[in-house]
């Protein structure tokens, strides 16, 4: 597990350096993306100081969550954010086990999260996923439709919109991160101070994302190394 600790140390230093170079406080949180990673390696990340886990697949998360590290109160120690595409019929499986859903991209999905959160007497923190590059292969609301969606979500009492998430195109990342930063600031000014999270940046571009204001970077390969994504 030493390689995990060393990878985290390097990534943390890179984030700190990036913040320093662009004149911002180091308020960036590192998320460990755990797709295909066995629980013992995930727990090593938590033991190394990372406090947010990113889960992509409902079935995989449900199969691993009982093996994750628990605190003295027998509750899951790290925060868990669901970051993958989420079908409405699978919300029921994770509503009580995640701290945030980052991939809300439609009113229909938000309404189901809101309904189930109300059943369980809780308020679920969510991010709206934005398809900043307008790519057919990716989910997310288009930038031109984001304002309308955020306006609709204001009436849902059991979700709390905390910000935005995006996966930009693999090329010209500066351009798309810049557009996303501007969009985030515009929406934050319009919809209030509770929108304080901008989740963008992965293994190959997290340093650039920090430059453009990301507050959560989602790193998998950079922490765990290459993995077989064909596994379920």
C-alpha atoms as a PDB file:
ATOM      1  CA  UNK A   1       0.000   0.000   0.000  1.00  0.00           C
ATOM      2  CA  UNK A   2       3.056   2.273   0.162  1.00  0.00           C
ATOM      3  CA  UNK A   3       2.599   3.266  -3.473  1.00  0.00           C
ATOM      4  CA  UNK A   4      -0.894   4.554  -2.671  1.00  0.00           C
ATOM      5  CA  UNK A   5       0.411   6.729   0.138  1.00  0.00           C
ATOM      6  CA  UNK A   6       3.217   8.070  -2.051  1.00  0.00           C
ATOM      7  CA  UNK A   7       0.826   8.800  -4.928  1.00  0.00           C
ATOM      8  CA  UNK A   8      -1.463  10.705  -2.576  1.00  0.00           C
ATOM      9  CA  UNK A   9       1.486  12.684  -1.221  1.00  0.00           C
ATOM     10  CA  UNK A  10       2.548  13.696  -4.734  1.00  0.00           C
ATOM     11  CA  UNK A  11      -0.987  14.630  -5.808  1.00  0.00           C
ATOM     12  CA  UNK A  12      -1.530  16.654  -2.636  1.00  0.00           C
ATOM     13  CA  UNK A  13       1.709  18.552  -3.238  1.00  0.00           C
ATOM     14  CA  UNK A  14       0.736  19.197  -6.858  1.00  0.00           C
ATOM     15  CA  UNK A  15      -2.619  20.600  -5.754  1.00  0.00           C
ATOM     16  CA  UNK A  16      -0.931  22.834  -3.195  1.00  0.00           C
ATOM     17  CA  UNK A  17       1.573  24.108  -5.764  1.00  0.00           C
ATOM     18  CA  UNK A  18      -1.203  24.769  -8.293  1.00  0.00           C
ATOM     19  CA  UNK A  19      -3.163  26.772  -5.727  1.00  0.00           C
ATOM     20  CA  UNK A  20      -0.081  28.794  -4.844  1.00  0.00           C
ATOM     21  CA  UNK A  21       0.712  29.582  -8.479  1.00  0.00           C
ATOM     22  CA  UNK A  22      -2.776  30.908  -9.180  1.00  0.00           C
ATOM     23  CA  UNK A  23      -3.026  32.832  -5.912  1.00  0.00           C
ATOM     24  CA  UNK A  24      -5.821  30.896  -4.257  1.00  0.00           C
ATOM     25  CA  UNK A  25      -6.068  29.273  -0.866  1.00  0.00           C
ATOM     26  CA  UNK A  26      -5.731  25.522  -0.879  1.00  0.00           C
ATOM     27  CA  UNK A  27      -9.406  24.730  -0.452  1.00  0.00           C
ATOM     28  CA  UNK A  28      -9.323  21.835  -2.922  1.00  0.00           C
ATOM     29  CA  UNK A  29     -10.479  18.411  -1.745  1.00  0.00           C
ATOM     30  CA  UNK A  30      -9.049  15.233  -3.209  1.00  0.00           C
ATOM     31  CA  UNK A  31     -11.526  12.498  -4.076  1.00  0.00           C
ATOM     32  CA  UNK A  32     -10.344   8.929  -4.580  1.00  0.00           C
ATOM     33  CA  UNK A  33     -12.310   7.337  -7.427  1.00  0.00           C
ATOM     34  CA  UNK A  34     -12.722   3.692  -6.474  1.00  0.00           C
ATOM     35  CA  UNK A  35     -14.098   1.986  -9.575  1.00  0.00           C
ATOM     36  CA  UNK A  36     -12.847  -1.655  -9.675  1.00  0.00           C
ATOM     37  CA  UNK A  37     -10.660  -1.076  -6.593  1.00  0.00           C
ATOM     38  CA  UNK A  38     -10.957  -3.760  -3.855  1.00  0.00           C
ATOM     39  CA  UNK A  39     -12.037  -2.536  -0.387  1.00  0.00           C
ATOM     40  CA  UNK A  40      -8.665  -3.095   1.277  1.00  0.00           C
ATOM     41  CA  UNK A  41      -7.007  -0.666  -1.137  1.00  0.00           C
ATOM     42  CA  UNK A  42      -9.840   1.805  -0.705  1.00  0.00           C
ATOM     43  CA  UNK A  43      -9.355   1.683   3.061  1.00  0.00           C
ATOM     44  CA  UNK A  44      -5.645   2.384   2.573  1.00  0.00           C
ATOM     45  CA  UNK A  45      -6.630   5.633   0.896  1.00  0.00           C
ATOM     46  CA  UNK A  46      -8.760   6.638   3.850  1.00  0.00           C
ATOM     47  CA  UNK A  47      -5.930   5.764   6.220  1.00  0.00           C
ATOM     48  CA  UNK A  48      -3.700   8.084   4.144  1.00  0.00           C
ATOM     49  CA  UNK A  49      -5.925  11.059   4.835  1.00  0.00           C
ATOM     50  CA  UNK A  50      -8.308  11.179   1.874  1.00  0.00           C
ATOM     51  CA  UNK A  51     -11.821  11.859   3.119  1.00  0.00           C
ATOM     52  CA  UNK A  52     -13.965  11.561  -0.024  1.00  0.00           C
ATOM     53  CA  UNK A  53     -14.577   8.426  -2.079  1.00  0.00           C
ATOM     54  CA  UNK A  54     -16.115   8.601  -5.557  1.00  0.00           C
ATOM     55  CA  UNK A  55     -18.354   5.712  -6.596  1.00  0.00           C
ATOM     56  CA  UNK A  56     -19.354   5.176 -10.249  1.00  0.00           C
ATOM     57  CA  UNK A  57     -21.482   2.047 -10.200  1.00  0.00           C
ATOM     58  CA  UNK A  58     -24.391   1.283  -7.909  1.00  0.00           C
ATOM     59  CA  UNK A  59     -23.988  -2.493  -7.917  1.00  0.00           C
ATOM     60  CA  UNK A  60     -20.249  -2.354  -7.273  1.00  0.00           C
ATOM     61  CA  UNK A  61     -20.663   0.125  -4.420  1.00  0.00           C
ATOM     62  CA  UNK A  62     -23.348  -1.997  -2.768  1.00  0.00           C
ATOM     63  CA  UNK A  63     -21.068  -5.035  -2.925  1.00  0.00           C
ATOM     64  CA  UNK A  64     -18.120  -3.220  -1.309  1.00  0.00           C
ATOM     65  CA  UNK A  65     -19.552  -0.685   1.115  1.00  0.00           C
ATOM     66  CA  UNK A  66     -19.838  -3.058   4.092  1.00  0.00           C
ATOM     67  CA  UNK A  67     -16.082  -3.655   3.879  1.00  0.00           C
ATOM     68  CA  UNK A  68     -15.160   0.019   4.010  1.00  0.00           C
ATOM     69  CA  UNK A  69     -13.587   1.497   7.137  1.00  0.00           C
ATOM     70  CA  UNK A  70     -15.968   2.350   9.967  1.00  0.00           C
ATOM     71  CA  UNK A  71     -15.536   4.919  12.704  1.00  0.00           C
ATOM     72  CA  UNK A  72     -16.168   4.430  16.412  1.00  0.00           C
ATOM     73  CA  UNK A  73     -19.902   4.898  15.835  1.00  0.00           C
ATOM     74  CA  UNK A  74     -19.932   2.098  13.244  1.00  0.00           C
ATOM     75  CA  UNK A  75     -20.711   4.479  10.404  1.00  0.00           C
ATOM     76  CA  UNK A  76     -18.798   4.877   7.159  1.00  0.00           C
ATOM     77  CA  UNK A  77     -15.805   7.087   7.894  1.00  0.00           C
ATOM     78  CA  UNK A  78     -15.104   8.694   4.522  1.00  0.00           C
ATOM     79  CA  UNK A  79     -17.709  10.699   2.688  1.00  0.00           C
ATOM     80  CA  UNK A  80     -19.072   8.853  -0.323  1.00  0.00           C
ATOM     81  CA  UNK A  81     -20.100  10.755  -3.430  1.00  0.00           C
ATOM     82  CA  UNK A  82     -21.868   9.026  -6.296  1.00  0.00           C
ATOM     83  CA  UNK A  83     -20.295  10.365  -9.501  1.00  0.00           C
ATOM     84  CA  UNK A  84     -21.478   7.975 -12.214  1.00  0.00           C
ATOM     85  CA  UNK A  85     -24.530   8.128 -14.430  1.00  0.00           C
ATOM     86  CA  UNK A  86     -27.499   7.292 -12.208  1.00  0.00           C
ATOM     87  CA  UNK A  87     -30.756   5.745 -13.376  1.00  0.00           C
ATOM     88  CA  UNK A  88     -33.877   6.765 -11.494  1.00  0.00           C
ATOM     89  CA  UNK A  89     -34.722   3.154 -10.617  1.00  0.00           C
ATOM     90  CA  UNK A  90     -31.400   2.764  -8.778  1.00  0.00           C
ATOM     91  CA  UNK A  91     -31.633   5.817  -6.549  1.00  0.00           C
ATOM     92  CA  UNK A  92     -33.374   3.727  -3.880  1.00  0.00           C
ATOM     93  CA  UNK A  93     -30.275   1.567  -3.424  1.00  0.00           C
ATOM     94  CA  UNK A  94     -27.910   4.412  -2.517  1.00  0.00           C
ATOM     95  CA  UNK A  95     -30.122   7.100  -0.970  1.00  0.00           C
ATOM     96  CA  UNK A  96     -29.078   6.184   2.584  1.00  0.00           C
ATOM     97  CA  UNK A  97     -25.438   5.338   1.876  1.00  0.00           C
ATOM     98  CA  UNK A  98     -24.018   8.339   0.029  1.00  0.00           C
ATOM     99  CA  UNK A  99     -23.363  11.881   1.192  1.00  0.00           C
ATOM    100  CA  UNK A 100     -23.716  13.515  -2.208  1.00  0.00           C
ATOM    101  CA  UNK A 101     -24.902  12.685  -5.730  1.00  0.00           C
ATOM    102  CA  UNK A 102     -22.777  14.574  -8.242  1.00  0.00           C
ATOM    103  CA  UNK A 103     -24.441  13.423 -11.437  1.00  0.00           C
ATOM    104  CA  UNK A 104     -27.899  15.039 -11.435  1.00  0.00           C
ATOM    105  CA  UNK A 105     -28.631  15.946 -15.046  1.00  0.00           C
ATOM    106  CA  UNK A 106     -32.425  15.989 -15.322  1.00  0.00           C
ATOM    107  CA  UNK A 107     -35.520  17.076 -13.449  1.00  0.00           C
ATOM    108  CA  UNK A 108     -36.799  13.485 -13.494  1.00  0.00           C
ATOM    109  CA  UNK A 109     -33.740  12.191 -11.633  1.00  0.00           C
ATOM    110  CA  UNK A 110     -33.821  15.087  -9.173  1.00  0.00           C
ATOM    111  CA  UNK A 111     -37.493  14.462  -8.427  1.00  0.00           C
ATOM    112  CA  UNK A 112     -36.818  10.814  -7.614  1.00  0.00           C
ATOM    113  CA  UNK A 113     -33.913  11.733  -5.336  1.00  0.00           C
ATOM    114  CA  UNK A 114     -36.133  14.314  -3.670  1.00  0.00           C
ATOM    115  CA  UNK A 115     -38.983  11.821  -3.219  1.00  0.00           C
ATOM    116  CA  UNK A 116     -36.817   9.140  -1.645  1.00  0.00           C
ATOM    117  CA  UNK A 117     -34.918  11.628   0.503  1.00  0.00           C
ATOM    118  CA  UNK A 118     -38.265  12.782   1.905  1.00  0.00           C
ATOM    119  CA  UNK A 119     -39.235   9.178   2.655  1.00  0.00           C
ATOM    120  CA  UNK A 120     -36.035   8.807   4.663  1.00  0.00           C
ATOM    121  CA  UNK A 121     -36.407  12.210   6.319  1.00  0.00           C
ATOM    122  CA  UNK A 122     -33.189  13.643   4.926  1.00  0.00           C
ATOM    123  CA  UNK A 123     -31.924  16.322   2.579  1.00  0.00           C
ATOM    124  CA  UNK A 124     -29.565  15.043  -0.112  1.00  0.00           C
ATOM    125  CA  UNK A 125     -26.741  17.241  -1.327  1.00  0.00           C
ATOM    126  CA  UNK A 126     -26.398  17.140  -5.120  1.00  0.00           C
ATOM    127  CA  UNK A 127     -24.379  18.648  -7.931  1.00  0.00           C
ATOM    128  CA  UNK A 128     -25.710  19.264 -11.406  1.00  0.00           C
ATOM    129  CA  UNK A 129     -23.607  17.530 -14.032  1.00  0.00           C
ATOM    130  CA  UNK A 130     -22.875  19.766 -17.011  1.00  0.00           C
ATOM    131  CA  UNK A 131     -21.898  18.467 -20.448  1.00  0.00           C
ATOM    132  CA  UNK A 132     -19.614  21.431 -21.046  1.00  0.00           C
ATOM    133  CA  UNK A 133     -18.367  20.116 -24.389  1.00  0.00           C
ATOM    134  CA  UNK A 134     -21.783  19.132 -25.749  1.00  0.00           C
ATOM    135  CA  UNK A 135     -20.539  15.600 -26.411  1.00  0.00           C
ATOM    136  CA  UNK A 136     -23.051  12.963 -27.482  1.00  0.00           C
ATOM    137  CA  UNK A 137     -21.093  10.269 -25.633  1.00  0.00           C
ATOM    138  CA  UNK A 138     -21.440  11.961 -22.236  1.00  0.00           C
ATOM    139  CA  UNK A 139     -24.329  12.617 -19.905  1.00  0.00           C
ATOM    140  CA  UNK A 140     -25.008  15.988 -18.342  1.00  0.00           C
ATOM    141  CA  UNK A 141     -27.224  18.968 -18.961  1.00  0.00           C
ATOM    142  CA  UNK A 142     -26.116  21.347 -21.711  1.00  0.00           C
ATOM    143  CA  UNK A 143     -24.804  24.722 -20.510  1.00  0.00           C
ATOM    144  CA  UNK A 144     -27.674  26.510 -22.265  1.00  0.00           C
ATOM    145  CA  UNK A 145     -30.203  24.429 -20.312  1.00  0.00           C
ATOM    146  CA  UNK A 146     -28.532  24.596 -16.894  1.00  0.00           C
ATOM    147  CA  UNK A 147     -30.294  27.726 -15.684  1.00  0.00           C
ATOM    148  CA  UNK A 148     -33.700  26.236 -16.447  1.00  0.00           C
ATOM    149  CA  UNK A 149     -32.838  23.028 -14.558  1.00  0.00           C
ATOM    150  CA  UNK A 150     -31.514  24.895 -11.532  1.00  0.00           C
ATOM    151  CA  UNK A 151     -34.667  26.974 -11.449  1.00  0.00           C
ATOM    152  CA  UNK A 152     -36.785  23.819 -11.423  1.00  0.00           C
ATOM    153  CA  UNK A 153     -34.740  22.269  -8.621  1.00  0.00           C
ATOM    154  CA  UNK A 154     -35.356  25.219  -6.326  1.00  0.00           C
ATOM    155  CA  UNK A 155     -38.839  23.887  -5.538  1.00  0.00           C
ATOM    156  CA  UNK A 156     -37.574  20.478  -4.361  1.00  0.00           C
ATOM    157  CA  UNK A 157     -37.349  20.610  -0.571  1.00  0.00           C
ATOM    158  CA  UNK A 158     -35.350  17.444   0.055  1.00  0.00           C
ATOM    159  CA  UNK A 159     -32.387  18.124  -2.185  1.00  0.00           C
ATOM    160  CA  UNK A 160     -29.795  20.843  -1.775  1.00  0.00           C
ATOM    161  CA  UNK A 161     -27.881  21.939  -4.877  1.00  0.00           C
ATOM    162  CA  UNK A 162     -24.287  22.486  -3.782  1.00  0.00           C
ATOM    163  CA  UNK A 163     -22.706  23.215  -7.145  1.00  0.00           C
ATOM    164  CA  UNK A 164     -21.692  21.778 -10.491  1.00  0.00           C
ATOM    165  CA  UNK A 165     -19.716  18.843 -11.864  1.00  0.00           C
ATOM    166  CA  UNK A 166     -18.250  18.257 -15.309  1.00  0.00           C
ATOM    167  CA  UNK A 167     -16.059  15.950 -17.394  1.00  0.00           C
ATOM    168  CA  UNK A 168     -14.648  18.105 -20.199  1.00  0.00           C
ATOM    169  CA  UNK A 169     -13.472  16.863 -23.590  1.00  0.00           C
ATOM    170  CA  UNK A 170      -9.979  15.327 -23.464  1.00  0.00           C
ATOM    171  CA  UNK A 171      -8.461  18.069 -25.639  1.00  0.00           C
ATOM    172  CA  UNK A 172      -8.361  21.842 -25.160  1.00  0.00           C
ATOM    173  CA  UNK A 173      -9.049  21.413 -21.458  1.00  0.00           C
ATOM    174  CA  UNK A 174      -8.092  25.014 -20.689  1.00  0.00           C
ATOM    175  CA  UNK A 175     -10.884  26.247 -22.930  1.00  0.00           C
ATOM    176  CA  UNK A 176     -13.552  24.044 -21.375  1.00  0.00           C
ATOM    177  CA  UNK A 177     -12.373  24.527 -17.803  1.00  0.00           C
ATOM    178  CA  UNK A 178     -12.488  28.262 -18.416  1.00  0.00           C
ATOM    179  CA  UNK A 179     -16.039  28.039 -19.733  1.00  0.00           C
ATOM    180  CA  UNK A 180     -17.059  25.875 -16.793  1.00  0.00           C
ATOM    181  CA  UNK A 181     -15.536  28.290 -14.299  1.00  0.00           C
ATOM    182  CA  UNK A 182     -17.437  31.197 -15.829  1.00  0.00           C
ATOM    183  CA  UNK A 183     -20.678  29.210 -15.873  1.00  0.00           C
ATOM    184  CA  UNK A 184     -20.226  28.195 -12.238  1.00  0.00           C
ATOM    185  CA  UNK A 185     -19.632  31.759 -11.099  1.00  0.00           C
ATOM    186  CA  UNK A 186     -22.671  32.995 -13.016  1.00  0.00           C
ATOM    187  CA  UNK A 187     -24.918  30.310 -11.531  1.00  0.00           C
ATOM    188  CA  UNK A 188     -23.519  30.856  -8.046  1.00  0.00           C
ATOM    189  CA  UNK A 189     -24.290  34.567  -8.254  1.00  0.00           C
ATOM    190  CA  UNK A 190     -27.819  33.795  -9.377  1.00  0.00           C
ATOM    191  CA  UNK A 191     -28.706  30.873  -7.104  1.00  0.00           C
ATOM    192  CA  UNK A 192     -26.898  31.722  -3.881  1.00  0.00           C
ATOM    193  CA  UNK A 193     -23.942  31.037  -1.641  1.00  0.00           C
ATOM    194  CA  UNK A 194     -24.850  27.387  -1.010  1.00  0.00           C
ATOM    195  CA  UNK A 195     -23.491  26.638  -4.481  1.00  0.00           C
ATOM    196  CA  UNK A 196     -19.869  26.433  -3.419  1.00  0.00           C
ATOM    197  CA  UNK A 197     -18.611  23.218  -5.057  1.00  0.00           C
ATOM    198  CA  UNK A 198     -17.098  22.935  -8.522  1.00  0.00           C
ATOM    199  CA  UNK A 199     -16.117  19.315  -9.175  1.00  0.00           C
ATOM    200  CA  UNK A 200     -13.815  18.965 -12.171  1.00  0.00           C
ATOM    201  CA  UNK A 201     -10.414  17.534 -12.944  1.00  0.00           C
ATOM    202  CA  UNK A 202      -9.197  13.942 -13.064  1.00  0.00           C
ATOM    203  CA  UNK A 203      -5.830  12.178 -13.110  1.00  0.00           C
ATOM    204  CA  UNK A 204      -4.638  13.741 -16.357  1.00  0.00           C
ATOM    205  CA  UNK A 205      -5.887  17.291 -15.832  1.00  0.00           C
ATOM    206  CA  UNK A 206      -6.489  17.990 -12.135  1.00  0.00           C
ATOM    207  CA  UNK A 207      -3.710  20.592 -11.941  1.00  0.00           C
ATOM    208  CA  UNK A 208      -5.308  22.562 -14.769  1.00  0.00           C
ATOM    209  CA  UNK A 209      -8.712  22.197 -13.121  1.00  0.00           C
ATOM    210  CA  UNK A 210      -7.363  23.739  -9.907  1.00  0.00           C
ATOM    211  CA  UNK A 211      -6.153  26.705 -11.945  1.00  0.00           C
ATOM    212  CA  UNK A 212      -9.745  27.299 -13.059  1.00  0.00           C
ATOM    213  CA  UNK A 213     -11.325  27.075  -9.625  1.00  0.00           C
ATOM    214  CA  UNK A 214     -12.113  23.400  -9.042  1.00  0.00           C
ATOM    215  CA  UNK A 215     -12.876  22.626  -5.393  1.00  0.00           C
ATOM    216  CA  UNK A 216     -12.993  18.816  -5.777  1.00  0.00           C
ATOM    217  CA  UNK A 217     -10.670  16.847  -8.046  1.00  0.00           C
ATOM    218  CA  UNK A 218     -11.604  13.242  -8.818  1.00  0.00           C
ATOM    219  CA  UNK A 219      -8.507  11.031  -9.108  1.00  0.00           C
ATOM    220  CA  UNK A 220      -8.500   7.290  -9.674  1.00  0.00           C
ATOM    221  CA  UNK A 221      -5.590   6.066 -11.776  1.00  0.00           C
ATOM    222  CA  UNK A 222      -3.252   8.642 -10.256  1.00  0.00           C
ATOM    223  CA  UNK A 223      -3.836   7.063  -6.835  1.00  0.00           C
ATOM    224  CA  UNK A 224      -4.420   3.373  -7.552  1.00  0.00           C
ATOM    225  CA  UNK A 225      -2.596   2.875 -10.850  1.00  0.00           C
ATOM    226  CA  UNK A 226      -4.044   1.402 -14.031  1.00  0.00           C
ATOM    227  CA  UNK A 227      -7.052  -0.848 -13.575  1.00  0.00           C
ATOM    228  CA  UNK A 228      -9.172  -3.242 -15.631  1.00  0.00           C
ATOM    229  CA  UNK A 229     -12.342  -1.224 -16.306  1.00  0.00           C
ATOM    230  CA  UNK A 230     -13.993  -4.182 -18.022  1.00  0.00           C
ATOM    231  CA  UNK A 231     -14.628  -5.725 -14.613  1.00  0.00           C
ATOM    232  CA  UNK A 232     -17.925  -5.120 -12.842  1.00  0.00           C
END
